[in-house]
N, C-alpha and C. Protein backbone atom coordinates (compact mmCIF):
# COMPACT_ATOMS: atom_id res chain seq x y z
N MET A 1 103.09 88.11 101.31
CA MET A 1 102.76 87.41 102.35
C MET A 1 102.51 88.35 103.72
N ARG A 2 101.70 88.14 104.45
CA ARG A 2 101.30 89.01 105.61
C ARG A 2 102.12 88.31 106.79
N VAL A 3 102.88 89.22 107.65
CA VAL A 3 103.64 88.88 108.88
C VAL A 3 103.00 89.79 110.07
N ASN A 4 103.36 89.53 111.07
CA ASN A 4 102.90 90.03 112.33
C ASN A 4 103.97 91.26 112.53
N ALA A 5 103.59 92.29 111.97
CA ALA A 5 104.60 93.58 112.11
C ALA A 5 104.82 94.01 113.43
N LYS A 6 103.78 93.90 114.28
CA LYS A 6 104.05 94.45 115.82
C LYS A 6 104.82 93.48 116.49
N LEU A 7 104.79 91.98 116.30
CA LEU A 7 105.78 91.22 116.95
C LEU A 7 107.02 91.42 116.48
N ILE A 8 107.35 91.86 115.35
CA ILE A 8 108.54 91.97 114.56
C ILE A 8 109.20 93.15 115.41
N ARG A 9 108.39 94.27 115.42
CA ARG A 9 108.97 95.43 116.01
C ARG A 9 109.24 95.22 117.65
N GLU A 10 108.38 94.44 118.29
CA GLU A 10 108.66 94.06 119.60
C GLU A 10 109.75 93.43 119.86
N LEU A 11 109.91 92.43 119.02
CA LEU A 11 111.30 91.57 119.07
C LEU A 11 112.60 92.48 118.90
N ARG A 12 112.37 93.20 117.93
CA ARG A 12 113.69 94.03 117.71
C ARG A 12 113.81 95.25 118.73
N ASP A 13 112.85 95.68 119.22
CA ASP A 13 112.94 96.45 120.58
C ASP A 13 113.47 95.95 121.77
N GLU A 14 113.20 94.48 121.97
CA GLU A 14 113.66 93.77 122.95
C GLU A 14 115.16 93.55 123.03
N ARG A 15 115.72 93.52 121.71
CA ARG A 15 117.02 93.50 121.39
C ARG A 15 117.99 94.71 121.42
N ALA A 16 116.89 96.01 121.56
CA ALA A 16 117.48 97.14 121.31
C ALA A 16 118.12 97.63 120.11
N TRP A 17 117.56 96.89 119.00
CA TRP A 17 118.23 96.96 117.69
C TRP A 17 117.52 98.17 116.93
N SER A 18 118.14 98.74 116.03
CA SER A 18 117.64 99.96 115.25
C SER A 18 117.13 98.95 114.16
N GLN A 19 116.33 99.83 113.37
CA GLN A 19 116.04 99.07 111.95
C GLN A 19 117.13 98.88 111.23
N GLU A 20 118.07 99.60 111.23
CA GLU A 20 119.44 99.37 110.46
C GLU A 20 120.05 98.30 110.81
N GLU A 21 120.13 98.17 112.21
CA GLU A 21 120.81 96.73 112.90
C GLU A 21 120.18 95.39 112.58
N LEU A 22 118.75 95.53 112.47
CA LEU A 22 118.05 94.27 112.00
C LEU A 22 118.37 94.15 110.55
N ALA A 23 118.40 95.17 109.78
CA ALA A 23 118.49 94.97 108.47
C ALA A 23 119.87 94.19 108.20
N ARG A 24 120.90 94.78 108.97
CA ARG A 24 122.40 94.09 108.74
C ARG A 24 122.20 92.73 109.29
N ALA A 25 121.57 92.30 110.21
CA ALA A 25 121.37 91.01 110.80
C ALA A 25 120.72 90.07 109.72
N THR A 26 119.75 90.48 109.24
CA THR A 26 118.76 89.74 108.14
C THR A 26 119.60 89.67 106.69
N GLY A 27 120.33 90.59 106.50
CA GLY A 27 120.80 90.91 105.14
C GLY A 27 119.94 91.66 104.08
N LEU A 28 118.89 92.28 104.77
CA LEU A 28 117.86 93.05 104.04
C LEU A 28 118.07 94.45 104.04
N ASN A 29 117.61 95.10 103.28
CA ASN A 29 117.77 96.61 102.91
C ASN A 29 116.78 97.05 104.11
N THR A 30 117.39 98.14 104.74
CA THR A 30 116.79 98.89 105.86
C THR A 30 115.26 99.42 105.26
N ARG A 31 115.13 99.66 104.14
CA ARG A 31 113.73 100.34 103.53
C ARG A 31 112.87 98.89 103.56
N THR A 32 113.39 97.74 103.30
CA THR A 32 112.69 96.48 103.43
C THR A 32 111.99 96.30 104.94
N ILE A 33 112.98 96.51 105.69
CA ILE A 33 112.75 96.58 107.16
C ILE A 33 111.47 97.42 107.50
N GLN A 34 111.57 98.70 107.14
CA GLN A 34 110.61 99.92 107.30
C GLN A 34 109.41 99.40 106.77
N ARG A 35 109.21 98.91 105.41
CA ARG A 35 107.83 98.35 104.99
C ARG A 35 107.43 97.36 105.71
N ILE A 36 108.12 96.25 106.00
CA ILE A 36 107.61 95.19 106.80
C ILE A 36 107.00 95.47 107.96
N GLU A 37 107.67 96.43 108.81
CA GLU A 37 107.09 96.82 110.00
C GLU A 37 105.83 97.97 109.90
N ARG A 38 105.92 98.43 108.72
CA ARG A 38 104.83 99.52 108.56
C ARG A 38 103.57 98.55 107.99
N ASP A 39 103.84 97.87 106.88
CA ASP A 39 102.59 97.13 106.16
C ASP A 39 102.38 95.81 106.68
N GLY A 40 103.20 95.17 107.19
CA GLY A 40 103.07 93.81 107.41
C GLY A 40 103.06 92.70 106.40
N THR A 41 103.91 93.20 105.25
CA THR A 41 103.82 92.33 104.20
C THR A 41 105.36 92.10 103.93
N ALA A 42 105.73 90.75 103.54
CA ALA A 42 107.01 90.52 103.38
C ALA A 42 107.17 89.32 102.37
N SER A 43 108.19 89.21 101.58
CA SER A 43 108.37 87.96 100.81
C SER A 43 108.75 86.70 101.56
N LEU A 44 108.56 85.68 100.90
CA LEU A 44 109.06 84.36 102.02
C LEU A 44 110.40 84.40 102.32
N GLN A 45 111.09 85.03 101.37
CA GLN A 45 112.74 84.99 101.58
C GLN A 45 112.87 86.09 102.66
N SER A 46 112.15 87.06 102.73
CA SER A 46 112.34 88.41 104.00
C SER A 46 111.90 87.64 105.28
N GLN A 47 110.90 86.90 105.05
CA GLN A 47 110.21 86.12 106.16
C GLN A 47 111.10 85.30 106.88
N ARG A 48 112.01 84.49 106.04
CA ARG A 48 112.90 83.46 106.65
C ARG A 48 113.98 84.32 107.30
N ALA A 49 114.67 85.33 106.37
CA ALA A 49 115.74 86.08 107.07
C ALA A 49 115.50 86.54 108.40
N LEU A 50 114.16 87.23 108.50
CA LEU A 50 113.75 87.70 109.77
C LEU A 50 113.78 86.65 110.88
N ALA A 51 113.14 85.72 110.57
CA ALA A 51 113.04 84.65 111.62
C ALA A 51 114.27 83.97 111.93
N ASP A 52 115.39 83.90 111.06
CA ASP A 52 116.51 83.42 111.42
C ASP A 52 117.36 84.25 112.34
N ALA A 53 117.24 85.78 112.06
CA ALA A 53 117.93 86.65 112.82
C ALA A 53 117.35 86.77 114.07
N LEU A 54 115.86 86.63 114.20
CA LEU A 54 115.24 86.49 115.43
C LEU A 54 115.09 85.19 116.36
N GLY A 55 115.94 84.39 115.84
CA GLY A 55 115.78 82.97 116.72
C GLY A 55 114.44 82.36 116.47
N LEU A 56 113.63 82.52 115.35
CA LEU A 56 112.24 82.05 115.35
C LEU A 56 112.24 81.16 114.15
N ALA A 57 111.14 80.35 114.01
CA ALA A 57 110.64 79.62 112.84
C ALA A 57 109.82 80.64 112.14
N PRO A 58 109.89 80.52 110.50
CA PRO A 58 109.19 81.65 109.97
C PRO A 58 107.80 81.74 110.14
N LYS A 59 107.15 80.48 110.50
CA LYS A 59 105.63 80.33 110.77
C LYS A 59 105.37 81.16 112.10
N ASP A 60 106.37 81.42 112.84
CA ASP A 60 106.18 82.06 114.08
C ASP A 60 105.87 83.51 113.76
N LEU A 61 106.39 84.14 112.61
CA LEU A 61 106.21 85.53 112.22
C LEU A 61 105.00 85.64 111.55
N ALA A 62 104.22 84.62 110.87
CA ALA A 62 103.01 84.82 110.14
C ALA A 62 101.88 85.52 110.94
N ALA A 63 101.23 86.49 110.01
CA ALA A 63 100.05 86.91 110.60
C ALA A 63 99.03 85.97 110.72
N THR A 64 98.27 86.32 111.88
CA THR A 64 96.96 85.48 111.88
C THR A 64 95.78 86.45 111.92
N GLU A 65 94.62 85.78 111.80
CA GLU A 65 93.35 86.56 111.86
C GLU A 65 93.26 87.35 112.89
N GLY A 66 92.69 88.76 112.71
CA GLY A 66 92.55 89.63 113.98
C GLY A 66 93.94 90.30 114.42
N ASP A 67 95.10 90.10 113.98
CA ASP A 67 96.34 90.65 114.16
C ASP A 67 96.08 92.03 114.00
N PRO A 68 96.67 92.77 114.90
CA PRO A 68 96.50 94.45 114.70
C PRO A 68 97.08 94.91 113.57
N ALA A 69 96.63 95.90 112.93
CA ALA A 69 97.23 96.44 111.69
C ALA A 69 98.31 97.44 112.32
N SER A 70 98.99 98.16 111.19
CA SER A 70 99.91 99.15 111.68
C SER A 70 99.24 100.17 112.42
N PRO A 71 99.88 100.97 113.30
CA PRO A 71 99.12 102.04 114.04
C PRO A 71 98.54 103.12 112.96
N CYS A 72 97.34 103.54 113.55
CA CYS A 72 96.74 104.61 112.74
C CYS A 72 97.72 105.78 112.53
N PRO A 73 97.76 106.17 111.11
CA PRO A 73 98.72 107.41 111.01
C PRO A 73 98.13 108.76 111.42
N THR A 74 96.94 108.77 111.73
CA THR A 74 96.41 109.95 112.29
C THR A 74 96.35 110.12 114.00
N CYS A 75 96.01 109.11 114.58
CA CYS A 75 96.00 109.07 116.00
C CYS A 75 97.11 108.30 116.82
N GLY A 76 97.73 107.34 116.04
CA GLY A 76 98.62 106.38 116.44
C GLY A 76 98.13 105.41 117.36
N SER A 77 96.99 105.14 117.28
CA SER A 77 96.26 103.96 118.15
C SER A 77 96.67 102.77 117.33
N ASP A 78 96.90 101.59 118.15
CA ASP A 78 97.18 100.38 117.84
C ASP A 78 95.87 99.52 117.81
N GLU A 79 94.81 100.20 118.39
CA GLU A 79 93.48 99.46 118.39
C GLU A 79 92.73 99.26 117.00
N VAL A 80 93.54 99.60 116.04
CA VAL A 80 93.08 99.50 114.69
C VAL A 80 93.15 98.16 114.03
N TYR A 81 92.24 97.48 113.51
CA TYR A 81 92.31 96.17 113.02
C TYR A 81 91.95 96.47 111.56
N ARG A 82 92.47 95.31 110.72
CA ARG A 82 92.42 95.33 109.28
C ARG A 82 91.06 94.45 108.94
N TYR A 83 90.53 95.14 108.09
CA TYR A 83 89.15 94.21 107.54
C TYR A 83 89.69 93.15 106.77
N THR A 84 89.39 92.00 106.92
CA THR A 84 89.90 90.84 106.29
C THR A 84 88.86 90.14 105.27
N HIS A 85 87.78 90.36 105.34
CA HIS A 85 86.58 89.66 104.53
C HIS A 85 86.45 90.52 103.20
N ARG A 86 86.40 89.92 102.10
CA ARG A 86 86.34 90.40 100.82
C ARG A 86 84.77 90.87 100.56
N VAL A 87 84.64 91.89 99.61
CA VAL A 87 83.38 92.50 99.54
C VAL A 87 82.89 92.16 98.05
N ASP A 88 81.78 91.55 97.86
CA ASP A 88 81.34 91.34 96.56
C ASP A 88 80.78 92.66 95.76
N THR A 89 81.43 93.03 94.89
CA THR A 89 81.16 94.26 93.97
C THR A 89 80.34 93.85 92.90
N THR A 90 80.12 92.66 92.59
CA THR A 90 79.26 92.22 91.46
C THR A 90 77.77 92.69 91.62
N THR A 91 77.34 92.94 92.75
CA THR A 91 75.93 93.37 93.02
C THR A 91 75.69 94.76 93.01
N ILE A 92 76.90 95.71 93.04
CA ILE A 92 76.61 96.91 93.17
C ILE A 92 75.84 97.50 91.98
N GLY A 93 74.85 98.19 92.00
CA GLY A 93 73.94 98.86 91.15
C GLY A 93 72.86 99.67 91.55
N GLY A 94 71.82 99.68 91.02
CA GLY A 94 70.81 100.71 91.35
C GLY A 94 70.30 100.69 92.86
N GLU A 95 70.36 99.25 93.34
CA GLU A 95 69.82 99.05 94.76
C GLU A 95 70.75 99.59 95.84
N LEU A 96 71.94 99.81 95.58
CA LEU A 96 73.01 100.31 96.48
C LEU A 96 73.39 101.72 96.32
N LEU A 97 73.14 102.24 95.09
CA LEU A 97 73.69 103.52 94.69
C LEU A 97 72.42 104.01 93.75
N PRO A 98 71.31 104.52 94.63
CA PRO A 98 70.17 105.22 93.83
C PRO A 98 70.47 106.09 92.87
N GLY A 99 69.72 106.09 91.61
CA GLY A 99 69.90 107.02 90.77
C GLY A 99 71.10 106.52 89.65
N LEU A 100 71.85 105.42 90.11
CA LEU A 100 72.64 105.07 89.02
C LEU A 100 72.36 103.73 88.55
N SER A 101 72.19 103.64 87.13
CA SER A 101 71.48 102.77 86.41
C SER A 101 72.66 101.45 86.40
N GLY A 102 72.14 100.29 86.52
CA GLY A 102 73.06 99.10 86.62
C GLY A 102 73.94 99.11 85.41
N ARG A 103 73.54 99.58 84.09
CA ARG A 103 74.49 99.59 82.90
C ARG A 103 75.40 100.26 83.05
N ARG A 104 75.46 101.32 84.00
CA ARG A 104 76.65 102.22 84.04
C ARG A 104 77.95 101.49 84.76
N LEU A 105 77.50 100.57 85.65
CA LEU A 105 78.51 99.64 86.19
C LEU A 105 78.54 98.24 85.65
N SER A 106 79.67 97.70 85.20
CA SER A 106 79.61 96.35 85.07
C SER A 106 80.80 95.88 85.72
N SER A 107 80.77 94.44 85.94
CA SER A 107 81.98 93.75 86.48
C SER A 107 82.62 92.68 85.46
N ALA A 108 83.74 92.63 85.41
CA ALA A 108 84.50 91.81 84.45
C ALA A 108 84.26 90.35 84.88
N LYS A 109 83.91 89.57 83.98
CA LYS A 109 83.50 88.17 84.16
C LYS A 109 84.64 87.36 83.45
């Protein structure tokens, strides 16, 4: 389940909590907090625990379309956005990859 990692970090920072303190407040493992803040993925149970500790409803932590992704590991920019559209790979063949015959690529059906 996608959560707004940036919001979670901001709310934690507003309270001057470390990740360890947030972990204690939620009953979650510190590594779980680190993963949630890095990747923006959390189980429903973790989302509920975070919301309770931060005084919010679980839906308030849900990620929305266009939420920024985690900062770029190379430059640290917060201006990087996740690509949320699916790519249809069933049409990949010779027209997109010249010199590669369609029979070399197949899609599971």
